[in-house]
Amino acid sequence: MNRKIQLLGAACSLTVISASATYAFDRETTEALKACHDEVWTVDAYADLPNAAISVWPASSEDGLTKVYWVVDWTDPDIQAAGQCQYQAGGVIGFEPFD
């Protein structure tokens, strides 16, 4: 009986760990992240940088408007920049660097 309880406890722990390690964004957030990531590449100073130089993550989402933070960090050439992008109705409607 003790062995069954131990096995059940271990199985529950694995379930909790695997469930908490997985997180997916909704479609709107995913589309906003992709669009804003691509928008960063339209800036001449970042256009030739590799994909690894650009990071994006969601800031907020309300009433169909999703705000995304972006960061460019690369060493050859030495570039560090950050900003915010706004996405709504299937497209980027605002893009600004933080100076």
C-alpha atoms as a PDB file:
ATOM      1  CA  MET A   1       0.000   0.000   0.000  1.00  0.00           C
ATOM      2  CA  ASN A   2       2.822   2.410   0.889  1.00  0.00           C
ATOM      3  CA  ARG A   3       4.491   1.683  -2.447  1.00  0.00           C
ATOM      4  CA  LYS A   4       1.296   2.564  -4.342  1.00  0.00           C
ATOM      5  CA  ILE A   5       1.030   5.880  -2.502  1.00  0.00           C
ATOM      6  CA  GLN A   6       4.671   6.667  -3.300  1.00  0.00           C
ATOM      7  CA  LEU A   7       4.159   5.879  -6.985  1.00  0.00           C
ATOM      8  CA  LEU A   8       0.984   7.956  -7.083  1.00  0.00           C
ATOM      9  CA  GLY A   9       2.803  10.866  -5.446  1.00  0.00           C
ATOM     10  CA  ALA A  10       5.648  10.630  -7.947  1.00  0.00           C
ATOM     11  CA  ALA A  11       3.212  10.513 -10.874  1.00  0.00           C
ATOM     12  CA  CYS A  12       1.350  13.578  -9.580  1.00  0.00           C
ATOM     13  CA  SER A  13       4.623  15.459  -9.122  1.00  0.00           C
ATOM     14  CA  LEU A  14       5.677  14.719 -12.699  1.00  0.00           C
ATOM     15  CA  THR A  15       2.296  15.839 -13.977  1.00  0.00           C
ATOM     16  CA  VAL A  16       2.528  19.146 -12.116  1.00  0.00           C
ATOM     17  CA  ILE A  17       6.110  19.736 -13.268  1.00  0.00           C
ATOM     18  CA  SER A  18       5.366  18.958 -16.907  1.00  0.00           C
ATOM     19  CA  ALA A  19       2.181  21.040 -16.892  1.00  0.00           C
ATOM     20  CA  SER A  20       3.903  24.060 -15.389  1.00  0.00           C
ATOM     21  CA  ALA A  21       6.870  23.817 -17.783  1.00  0.00           C
ATOM     22  CA  THR A  22       4.601  24.151 -20.810  1.00  0.00           C
ATOM     23  CA  TYR A  23       3.054  27.490 -21.674  1.00  0.00           C
ATOM     24  CA  ALA A  24       1.629  28.570 -24.985  1.00  0.00           C
ATOM     25  CA  PHE A  25       0.580  32.024 -26.111  1.00  0.00           C
ATOM     26  CA  ASP A  26      -2.798  32.521 -27.747  1.00  0.00           C
ATOM     27  CA  ARG A  27      -2.901  33.069 -31.506  1.00  0.00           C
ATOM     28  CA  GLU A  28      -3.238  36.869 -31.298  1.00  0.00           C
ATOM     29  CA  THR A  29      -0.188  37.143 -29.042  1.00  0.00           C
ATOM     30  CA  THR A  30       1.818  34.791 -31.239  1.00  0.00           C
ATOM     31  CA  GLU A  31       0.938  36.783 -34.362  1.00  0.00           C
ATOM     32  CA  ALA A  32       1.841  40.042 -32.588  1.00  0.00           C
ATOM     33  CA  LEU A  33       5.206  38.637 -31.504  1.00  0.00           C
ATOM     34  CA  LYS A  34       5.996  37.461 -35.044  1.00  0.00           C
ATOM     35  CA  ALA A  35       4.907  40.731 -36.653  1.00  0.00           C
ATOM     36  CA  CYS A  36       6.858  42.883 -34.214  1.00  0.00           C
ATOM     37  CA  HIS A  37       9.945  40.677 -34.553  1.00  0.00           C
ATOM     38  CA  ASP A  38       9.770  41.149 -38.320  1.00  0.00           C
ATOM     39  CA  GLU A  39       9.175  44.888 -37.893  1.00  0.00           C
ATOM     40  CA  VAL A  40      12.492  45.242 -36.048  1.00  0.00           C
ATOM     41  CA  TRP A  41      14.245  43.949 -39.182  1.00  0.00           C
ATOM     42  CA  THR A  42      12.779  46.815 -41.235  1.00  0.00           C
ATOM     43  CA  VAL A  43      14.994  49.261 -39.326  1.00  0.00           C
ATOM     44  CA  ASP A  44      18.131  49.817 -41.417  1.00  0.00           C
ATOM     45  CA  ALA A  45      20.472  49.529 -38.416  1.00  0.00           C
ATOM     46  CA  TYR A  46      19.141  46.036 -37.602  1.00  0.00           C
ATOM     47  CA  ALA A  47      18.348  44.696 -41.074  1.00  0.00           C
ATOM     48  CA  ASP A  48      21.549  42.649 -41.444  1.00  0.00           C
ATOM     49  CA  LEU A  49      21.571  41.176 -37.941  1.00  0.00           C
ATOM     50  CA  PRO A  50      20.877  37.470 -37.388  1.00  0.00           C
ATOM     51  CA  ASN A  51      17.655  36.206 -35.862  1.00  0.00           C
ATOM     52  CA  ALA A  52      19.434  35.575 -32.548  1.00  0.00           C
ATOM     53  CA  ALA A  53      20.089  39.308 -32.102  1.00  0.00           C
ATOM     54  CA  ILE A  54      16.377  40.129 -31.752  1.00  0.00           C
ATOM     55  CA  SER A  55      14.163  39.160 -28.818  1.00  0.00           C
ATOM     56  CA  VAL A  56      10.478  39.916 -28.322  1.00  0.00           C
ATOM     57  CA  TRP A  57       8.035  39.240 -25.511  1.00  0.00           C
ATOM     58  CA  PRO A  58       4.462  40.286 -24.759  1.00  0.00           C
ATOM     59  CA  ALA A  59       3.907  43.361 -22.599  1.00  0.00           C
ATOM     60  CA  SER A  60       0.099  43.577 -22.469  1.00  0.00           C
ATOM     61  CA  SER A  61      -3.043  42.822 -24.405  1.00  0.00           C
ATOM     62  CA  GLU A  62      -6.400  44.536 -24.104  1.00  0.00           C
ATOM     63  CA  ASP A  63      -9.363  45.073 -26.435  1.00  0.00           C
ATOM     64  CA  GLY A  64      -7.534  43.643 -29.452  1.00  0.00           C
ATOM     65  CA  LEU A  65      -4.400  45.762 -28.938  1.00  0.00           C
ATOM     66  CA  THR A  66      -1.261  43.803 -28.083  1.00  0.00           C
ATOM     67  CA  LYS A  67       1.900  45.562 -26.952  1.00  0.00           C
ATOM     68  CA  VAL A  68       5.218  43.813 -27.437  1.00  0.00           C
ATOM     69  CA  TYR A  69       8.626  44.710 -26.029  1.00  0.00           C
ATOM     70  CA  TRP A  70      11.650  44.132 -28.248  1.00  0.00           C
ATOM     71  CA  VAL A  71      15.391  44.075 -27.625  1.00  0.00           C
ATOM     72  CA  VAL A  72      18.316  44.020 -30.039  1.00  0.00           C
ATOM     73  CA  ASP A  73      21.580  42.872 -28.481  1.00  0.00           C
ATOM     74  CA  TRP A  74      24.560  41.922 -30.630  1.00  0.00           C
ATOM     75  CA  THR A  75      28.334  42.267 -30.416  1.00  0.00           C
ATOM     76  CA  ASP A  76      29.507  42.273 -34.039  1.00  0.00           C
ATOM     77  CA  PRO A  77      28.612  45.015 -34.772  1.00  0.00           C
ATOM     78  CA  ASP A  78      28.084  46.239 -31.220  1.00  0.00           C
ATOM     79  CA  ILE A  79      24.375  47.124 -31.026  1.00  0.00           C
ATOM     80  CA  GLN A  80      22.051  47.375 -28.034  1.00  0.00           C
ATOM     81  CA  ALA A  81      18.553  48.775 -28.454  1.00  0.00           C
ATOM     82  CA  ALA A  82      15.077  48.272 -27.032  1.00  0.00           C
ATOM     83  CA  GLY A  83      11.576  49.443 -27.694  1.00  0.00           C
ATOM     84  CA  GLN A  84       7.898  48.709 -27.939  1.00  0.00           C
ATOM     85  CA  CYS A  85       5.648  47.632 -30.782  1.00  0.00           C
ATOM     86  CA  GLN A  86       1.845  47.795 -30.973  1.00  0.00           C
ATOM     87  CA  TYR A  87      -0.158  45.232 -32.933  1.00  0.00           C
ATOM     88  CA  GLN A  88      -3.857  45.351 -33.782  1.00  0.00           C
ATOM     89  CA  ALA A  89      -6.208  43.943 -36.424  1.00  0.00           C
ATOM     90  CA  GLY A  90      -3.529  41.817 -38.073  1.00  0.00           C
ATOM     91  CA  GLY A  91      -0.784  44.407 -38.349  1.00  0.00           C
ATOM     92  CA  VAL A  92       1.765  46.584 -36.615  1.00  0.00           C
ATOM     93  CA  ILE A  93       0.236  49.991 -35.853  1.00  0.00           C
ATOM     94  CA  GLY A  94       3.026  51.464 -33.753  1.00  0.00           C
ATOM     95  CA  PHE A  95       6.759  50.970 -33.377  1.00  0.00           C
ATOM     96  CA  GLU A  96       9.094  53.004 -31.191  1.00  0.00           C
ATOM     97  CA  PRO A  97      12.592  52.619 -29.794  1.00  0.00           C
ATOM     98  CA  PHE A  98      13.293  53.552 -26.183  1.00  0.00           C
ATOM     99  CA  ASP A  99      15.971  56.245 -26.263  1.00  0.00           C
END
